[in-house]
C-alpha cells in the first residue's frame, strides 16, 4: 500500500513489488520473472505500461503456453491517493483497467482511496468505468459493535498488565470512547496506544484526560468528518512536556522533507540531537507514530496519514 507520510509513495515500485510478492508464492512464475529481469535489469526503471507488460502479461502468456495452472489472485492497492503524483495515479488505473478489458491477466484488482476529484473523474471515464465498479465506504456507526469489542478486549489487557482494580474502565466510560470514535477504527486504535503509553502517569490518568476532552468538546459544531480525531490529536500535542515540545515540532517538520522520515539518524544530525534526545522526544508521540529501531536508520513510521494532515492544516 501507498503511504505518503511514511514515504512509501513511489509509483515505480508498485508493479515490481506485486510481481515480487507473487513470485514468492508461485515458483514457475518466479523462474520466468528471474529470466526476464536478468535479460533486462532496466525494466524496473521503465514506464508503468512497459513494466506491467513485461512483468505480468508476457510471463503469463509463457506460463499458459507451458500448460501451467494460473490461479486467480486478488490484488489490493490501498492508499492510491498517497501515491506520488496525480499523473502516476491515473496511469496505474489506466494500465490495470486496460488489462481487465483485454483479459491479459487473471487478477482481480481492488483500489482503496479517498475521493480525490481527479481519481473520481478517472474512474468515471468511459474507458475505465466499463471495467470497474465503485463503492463509496462512508464513515458509519454500524461498526460500533466491532469497535466496542476491540476497546473492551484491549482495555482488559491493559488493566491486567497494570494490576488495575476491576471494574476498570467503567462501562459508561467505554461507551464514551465508542461515541468519540464515531465509527472510526483509527480513533479507537489511537486511544488504546495513548492509554497504554508507558511514558505517562499510567492508564487511569490517560483515560481521565480523554474523558475530560470528551466533556470539553461536547456540542462543539464541526463539519469535518475527522473532527473528533482532530480534538484527540490536539490533546496528544497538549500533553507533550513544554521542554520537549519545540524538539518534537522540529522533528515533525523534518519528516516532511523528502527522504528524511526514512532516516531518523539524518534527523538527529540535522537537528544536532543526541540519540537519547531524539528517542525521548519521539516517545511523546507514541500514540501516533513509532521509531522502527530494527531499521538501520531508525525509520519514523506514522500509524495514519491523518495526523500529519492535521499538523499541516491550519483550518483543522
Protein backbone atom coordinates (compact mmCIF):
# COMPACT_ATOMS: atom_id res chain seq x y z
CA UNK A 1 0.00 0.00 0.00
CA UNK A 2 0.99 3.59 -0.52
CA UNK A 3 1.69 5.84 2.47
CA UNK A 4 2.85 9.40 1.81
CA UNK A 5 3.88 10.31 5.40
CA UNK A 6 5.97 7.13 5.60
CA UNK A 7 7.41 7.88 2.14
CA UNK A 8 6.11 4.69 0.55
CA UNK A 9 4.75 6.60 -2.42
CA UNK A 10 6.98 5.73 -5.39
CA UNK A 11 4.79 4.55 -8.31
CA UNK A 12 7.80 2.89 -9.94
CA UNK A 13 7.86 0.32 -7.15
CA UNK A 14 4.22 -0.76 -7.36
CA UNK A 15 4.30 -3.39 -10.11
CA UNK A 16 7.77 -4.60 -9.11
CA UNK A 17 6.54 -5.14 -5.54
CA UNK A 18 3.43 -7.02 -6.69
CA UNK A 19 5.50 -9.20 -9.04
CA UNK A 20 7.93 -10.00 -6.23
CA UNK A 21 5.10 -10.94 -3.88
CA UNK A 22 3.50 -13.19 -6.49
CA UNK A 23 6.86 -14.78 -7.36
CA UNK A 24 7.34 -15.72 -3.70
CA UNK A 25 4.15 -17.82 -3.93
CA UNK A 26 4.34 -19.19 -7.48
CA UNK A 27 7.62 -20.91 -8.43
CA UNK A 28 7.03 -21.25 -12.21
CA UNK A 29 6.31 -17.51 -12.44
CA UNK A 30 9.36 -16.79 -10.27
CA UNK A 31 11.62 -18.62 -12.74
CA UNK A 32 10.25 -16.65 -15.70
CA UNK A 33 10.49 -13.37 -13.78
CA UNK A 34 14.10 -14.10 -12.86
CA UNK A 35 14.99 -14.66 -16.52
CA UNK A 36 13.11 -11.52 -17.55
CA UNK A 37 14.94 -9.29 -15.05
CA UNK A 38 18.28 -10.91 -15.88
CA UNK A 39 17.74 -10.21 -19.59
CA UNK A 40 16.80 -6.57 -18.97
CA UNK A 41 17.51 -5.19 -15.46
CA UNK A 42 16.29 -1.76 -16.61
CA UNK A 43 12.67 -2.96 -16.64
CA UNK A 44 12.24 -1.64 -13.10
CA UNK A 45 13.07 1.86 -14.37
CA UNK A 46 10.74 1.84 -17.38
CA UNK A 47 7.33 3.47 -17.75
CA UNK A 48 4.45 1.76 -15.94
CA UNK A 49 2.78 0.27 -19.07
CA UNK A 50 6.13 -1.26 -20.10
CA UNK A 51 6.67 -2.67 -16.60
CA UNK A 52 3.20 -4.18 -16.48
CA UNK A 53 3.55 -5.79 -19.91
CA UNK A 54 6.94 -7.37 -19.18
CA UNK A 55 6.38 -8.27 -15.52
CA UNK A 56 2.88 -9.71 -15.92
CA UNK A 57 1.43 -10.02 -19.42
CA UNK A 58 4.36 -11.74 -21.18
CA UNK A 59 5.22 -14.08 -18.26
CA UNK A 60 1.55 -15.09 -18.01
CA UNK A 61 1.45 -15.87 -21.72
CA UNK A 62 4.54 -18.04 -21.30
CA UNK A 63 3.02 -19.84 -18.31
CA UNK A 64 -0.13 -20.52 -20.30
CA UNK A 65 1.89 -21.81 -23.26
CA UNK A 66 3.71 -24.16 -20.88
CA UNK A 67 0.40 -25.52 -19.61
CA UNK A 68 0.91 -24.12 -16.12
CA UNK A 69 -2.08 -23.60 -13.86
CA UNK A 70 -2.55 -19.88 -13.23
CA UNK A 71 -4.69 -19.27 -10.15
CA UNK A 72 -6.73 -16.10 -9.77
CA UNK A 73 -5.30 -13.56 -7.37
CA UNK A 74 -6.90 -10.62 -5.62
CA UNK A 75 -4.57 -7.62 -5.57
CA UNK A 76 -5.47 -4.82 -3.16
CA UNK A 77 -3.88 -1.41 -3.71
CA UNK A 78 -4.53 0.68 -0.62
CA UNK A 79 -3.97 4.42 -0.38
CA UNK A 80 -3.80 5.12 -4.12
CA UNK A 81 -4.31 8.82 -3.37
CA UNK A 82 -1.00 8.81 -1.45
CA UNK A 83 1.00 7.69 -4.49
CA UNK A 84 3.34 10.46 -5.65
CA UNK A 85 1.78 12.48 -8.46
CA UNK A 86 -1.71 12.62 -9.93
CA UNK A 87 -0.37 11.59 -13.34
CA UNK A 88 1.10 8.39 -11.89
CA UNK A 89 -2.13 7.65 -10.04
CA UNK A 90 -4.12 7.92 -13.27
CA UNK A 91 -1.54 5.83 -15.14
CA UNK A 92 -1.83 2.98 -12.62
CA UNK A 93 -5.61 2.91 -13.03
CA UNK A 94 -5.42 3.10 -16.82
CA UNK A 95 -2.85 0.30 -17.15
CA UNK A 96 -4.79 -2.06 -14.92
CA UNK A 97 -8.16 -1.20 -16.49
CA UNK A 98 -6.72 -1.90 -19.95
CA UNK A 99 -5.55 -5.30 -18.71
CA UNK A 100 -9.04 -6.05 -17.43
CA UNK A 101 -10.68 -5.00 -20.71
CA UNK A 102 -8.31 -7.13 -22.79
CA UNK A 103 -8.23 -10.01 -20.29
CA UNK A 104 -4.43 -10.16 -20.23
CA UNK A 105 -4.14 -11.04 -16.53
CA UNK A 106 -6.22 -13.24 -14.21
CA UNK A 107 -6.09 -10.77 -11.33
CA UNK A 108 -8.98 -9.15 -9.52
CA UNK A 109 -7.99 -5.62 -8.50
CA UNK A 110 -9.27 -3.57 -5.57
CA UNK A 111 -8.31 0.09 -5.25
CA UNK A 112 -8.82 1.82 -1.90
CA UNK A 113 -8.57 5.60 -1.88
CA UNK A 114 -10.06 8.80 -0.66
CA UNK A 115 -12.42 10.55 -3.06
CA UNK A 116 -9.92 12.87 -4.69
CA UNK A 117 -11.55 14.71 -7.64
CA UNK A 118 -9.03 13.55 -10.26
CA UNK A 119 -9.44 9.92 -9.18
CA UNK A 120 -13.24 10.15 -9.23
CA UNK A 121 -13.06 11.62 -12.74
CA UNK A 122 -10.66 8.90 -13.91
CA UNK A 123 -12.86 6.07 -12.64
CA UNK A 124 -15.93 7.69 -14.21
CA UNK A 125 -14.32 7.99 -17.64
CA UNK A 126 -15.82 5.73 -20.30
CA UNK A 127 -12.70 3.61 -20.79
CA UNK A 128 -12.37 2.89 -17.06
CA UNK A 129 -15.99 2.69 -15.92
CA UNK A 130 -16.81 -0.24 -18.24
CA UNK A 131 -14.16 -2.35 -16.49
CA UNK A 132 -14.65 -1.27 -12.88
CA UNK A 133 -17.23 -0.78 -10.17
CA UNK A 134 -17.15 1.89 -7.47
CA UNK A 135 -18.26 1.53 -3.86
CA UNK A 136 -18.22 4.51 -1.50
CA UNK A 137 -17.39 3.46 2.05
CA UNK A 138 -18.83 6.16 4.27
CA UNK A 139 -18.00 6.58 7.95
CA UNK A 140 -20.76 4.70 9.71
CA UNK A 141 -21.83 3.89 13.26
CA UNK A 142 -22.78 0.42 12.03
CA UNK A 143 -19.39 -0.86 13.22
CA UNK A 144 -19.88 0.32 16.82
CA UNK A 145 -20.17 -3.31 17.98
CA UNK A 146 -16.78 -4.17 16.48
CA UNK A 147 -15.23 -1.06 18.00
CA UNK A 148 -16.80 -1.90 21.38
CA UNK A 149 -15.31 -5.40 21.31
CA UNK A 150 -11.91 -4.06 20.29
CA UNK A 151 -11.87 -1.44 23.05
CA UNK A 152 -13.15 -3.87 25.70
CA UNK A 153 -10.56 -6.53 24.85
CA UNK A 154 -7.65 -4.09 24.67
CA UNK A 155 -8.58 -2.23 27.85
CA UNK A 156 -8.99 -5.53 29.73
CA UNK A 157 -5.46 -6.44 28.69
CA UNK A 158 -4.15 -3.06 29.88
CA UNK A 159 -5.97 -3.42 33.21
CA UNK A 160 -4.49 -6.88 33.75
CA UNK A 161 -1.00 -5.77 32.80
CA UNK A 162 -1.08 -2.84 35.24
CA UNK A 163 -2.96 -4.64 38.03
CA UNK A 164 -5.83 -2.15 37.99
CA UNK A 165 -8.86 -2.84 40.20
CA UNK A 166 -11.94 -4.14 38.41
CA UNK A 167 -14.16 -2.94 37.00
CA UNK A 168 -11.84 -0.72 35.02
CA UNK A 169 -12.76 1.11 32.99
CA UNK A 170 -16.39 1.66 33.85
CA UNK A 171 -18.94 0.56 31.27
CA UNK A 172 -20.10 4.12 30.73
CA UNK A 173 -16.51 5.21 30.07
CA UNK A 174 -16.17 2.57 27.37
CA UNK A 175 -19.45 3.89 25.95
CA UNK A 176 -17.95 7.38 25.85
CA UNK A 177 -14.92 6.07 23.94
CA UNK A 178 -17.22 4.34 21.46
CA UNK A 179 -19.13 7.58 20.90
CA UNK A 180 -15.91 9.53 20.48
CA UNK A 181 -14.73 7.01 17.89
CA UNK A 182 -17.75 7.91 15.73
CA UNK A 183 -17.32 4.84 13.57
CA UNK A 184 -13.57 5.39 13.06
CA UNK A 185 -11.36 2.44 13.98
CA UNK A 186 -8.32 4.71 13.69
CA UNK A 187 -9.67 6.73 16.64
CA UNK A 188 -10.15 3.61 18.75
CA UNK A 189 -6.69 2.24 17.99
CA UNK A 190 -5.07 5.63 18.70
CA UNK A 191 -6.94 5.79 22.03
CA UNK A 192 -5.54 2.40 23.00
CA UNK A 193 -1.96 3.42 22.18
CA UNK A 194 -2.47 6.65 24.13
CA UNK A 195 -3.84 4.89 27.21
CA UNK A 196 -1.10 2.23 27.16
CA UNK A 197 1.73 4.77 26.87
CA UNK A 198 4.44 3.65 29.30
CA UNK A 199 5.88 7.17 29.42
CA UNK A 200 2.76 8.57 31.10
CA UNK A 201 1.38 8.61 34.64
CA UNK A 202 -0.47 5.40 33.87
CA UNK A 203 -3.62 4.19 32.10
CA UNK A 204 -6.04 5.72 34.61
CA UNK A 205 -4.58 9.20 34.14
CA UNK A 206 -4.54 8.82 30.36
CA UNK A 207 -8.18 7.71 30.31
CA UNK A 208 -9.19 10.64 32.53
CA UNK A 209 -7.56 13.02 30.04
CA UNK A 210 -9.61 11.55 27.19
CA UNK A 211 -12.85 11.71 29.18
CA UNK A 212 -12.09 15.32 30.11
CA UNK A 213 -11.59 16.02 26.40
CA UNK A 214 -14.98 14.47 25.67
CA UNK A 215 -16.61 16.84 28.14
CA UNK A 216 -14.81 19.92 26.84
CA UNK A 217 -15.70 19.37 23.17
CA UNK A 218 -19.26 18.14 23.69
CA UNK A 219 -21.63 20.07 21.46
CA UNK A 220 -18.93 21.91 19.53
CA UNK A 221 -20.09 22.12 15.89
CA UNK A 222 -17.82 20.83 13.15
CA UNK A 223 -18.41 19.79 9.56
CA UNK A 224 -15.08 17.96 9.28
CA UNK A 225 -15.53 14.16 9.27
CA UNK A 226 -12.40 13.71 11.41
CA UNK A 227 -13.23 16.42 13.94
CA UNK A 228 -13.27 14.02 16.92
CA UNK A 229 -9.91 12.63 15.86
CA UNK A 230 -8.54 16.17 15.47
CA UNK A 231 -9.55 17.04 19.03
CA UNK A 232 -7.73 13.93 20.21
CA UNK A 233 -4.61 14.83 18.22
CA UNK A 234 -4.72 18.24 19.87
CA UNK A 235 -4.84 16.55 23.29
CA UNK A 236 -1.77 14.48 22.41
CA UNK A 237 0.13 17.63 21.43
CA UNK A 238 -1.01 19.49 24.56
CA UNK A 239 0.34 16.73 26.81
CA UNK A 240 3.86 16.92 25.41
CA UNK A 241 6.11 18.38 28.16
CA UNK A 242 6.89 22.01 27.38
CA UNK A 243 10.65 21.43 27.44
CA UNK A 244 10.28 18.81 24.69
CA UNK A 245 7.62 20.50 22.57
CA UNK A 246 9.92 22.52 20.32
CA UNK A 247 12.13 19.50 19.65
CA UNK A 248 9.07 17.43 18.74
CA UNK A 249 7.89 20.17 16.39
CA UNK A 250 11.27 20.30 14.66
CA UNK A 251 11.30 16.51 14.27
CA UNK A 252 7.82 16.54 12.71
CA UNK A 253 8.86 19.36 10.39
CA UNK A 254 11.94 17.39 9.35
CA UNK A 255 9.82 14.38 8.38
CA UNK A 256 8.14 16.48 5.68
CA UNK A 257 11.47 16.76 3.83
CA UNK A 258 11.57 14.12 1.10
CA UNK A 259 13.57 11.07 2.16
CA UNK A 260 14.12 12.19 5.76
CA UNK A 261 11.47 10.12 7.58
CA UNK A 262 13.17 7.02 6.18
CA UNK A 263 16.32 8.07 8.03
CA UNK A 264 15.83 9.08 11.63
CA UNK A 265 19.61 9.27 12.00
CA UNK A 266 19.64 12.09 9.46
CA UNK A 267 17.13 13.98 11.58
CA UNK A 268 19.40 13.52 14.60
CA UNK A 269 22.28 15.07 12.66
CA UNK A 270 20.15 17.78 11.05
CA UNK A 271 18.77 18.97 14.40
CA UNK A 272 22.01 18.36 16.31
CA UNK A 273 20.33 15.98 18.77
CA UNK A 274 21.74 13.10 20.73
CA UNK A 275 20.22 9.68 20.06
CA UNK A 276 18.70 9.79 23.55
CA UNK A 277 17.12 13.22 22.96
CA UNK A 278 15.66 12.05 19.65
CA UNK A 279 14.06 8.92 21.11
CA UNK A 280 12.81 10.76 24.21
CA UNK A 281 11.07 13.36 22.04
CA UNK A 282 9.59 10.73 19.72
CA UNK A 283 8.19 8.74 22.64
CA UNK A 284 5.85 11.64 23.45
CA UNK A 285 4.07 10.83 20.17
CA UNK A 286 3.78 7.11 20.96
CA UNK A 287 0.06 7.14 20.14
CA UNK A 288 0.52 8.34 16.56
CA UNK A 289 3.98 7.19 15.44
CA UNK A 290 6.88 4.93 16.26
CA UNK A 291 10.59 4.75 15.59
CA UNK A 292 11.46 1.44 13.96
CA UNK A 293 14.73 0.67 15.71
CA UNK A 294 15.13 -2.55 13.71
CA UNK A 295 15.62 -0.30 10.70
CA UNK A 296 19.29 0.65 10.45
CA UNK A 297 18.39 4.33 10.02
CA UNK A 298 15.79 4.44 12.87
CA UNK A 299 12.89 4.98 10.49
CA UNK A 300 9.91 7.05 11.71
CA UNK A 301 6.58 5.35 10.94
CA UNK A 302 3.23 7.16 11.26
CA UNK A 303 0.24 4.97 12.06
CA UNK A 304 -2.12 7.06 9.92
CA UNK A 305 -1.79 9.88 7.39
CA UNK A 306 -4.42 11.96 9.20
CA UNK A 307 -2.01 13.04 11.96
CA UNK A 308 0.41 14.91 9.71
CA UNK A 309 -2.52 16.24 7.69
CA UNK A 310 -3.87 17.66 10.96
CA UNK A 311 -0.50 19.18 11.84
CA UNK A 312 -0.16 20.83 8.42
CA UNK A 313 -3.73 22.13 8.04
CA UNK A 314 -4.34 25.39 9.92
CA UNK A 315 -8.10 25.08 9.30
CA UNK A 316 -8.39 21.93 11.41
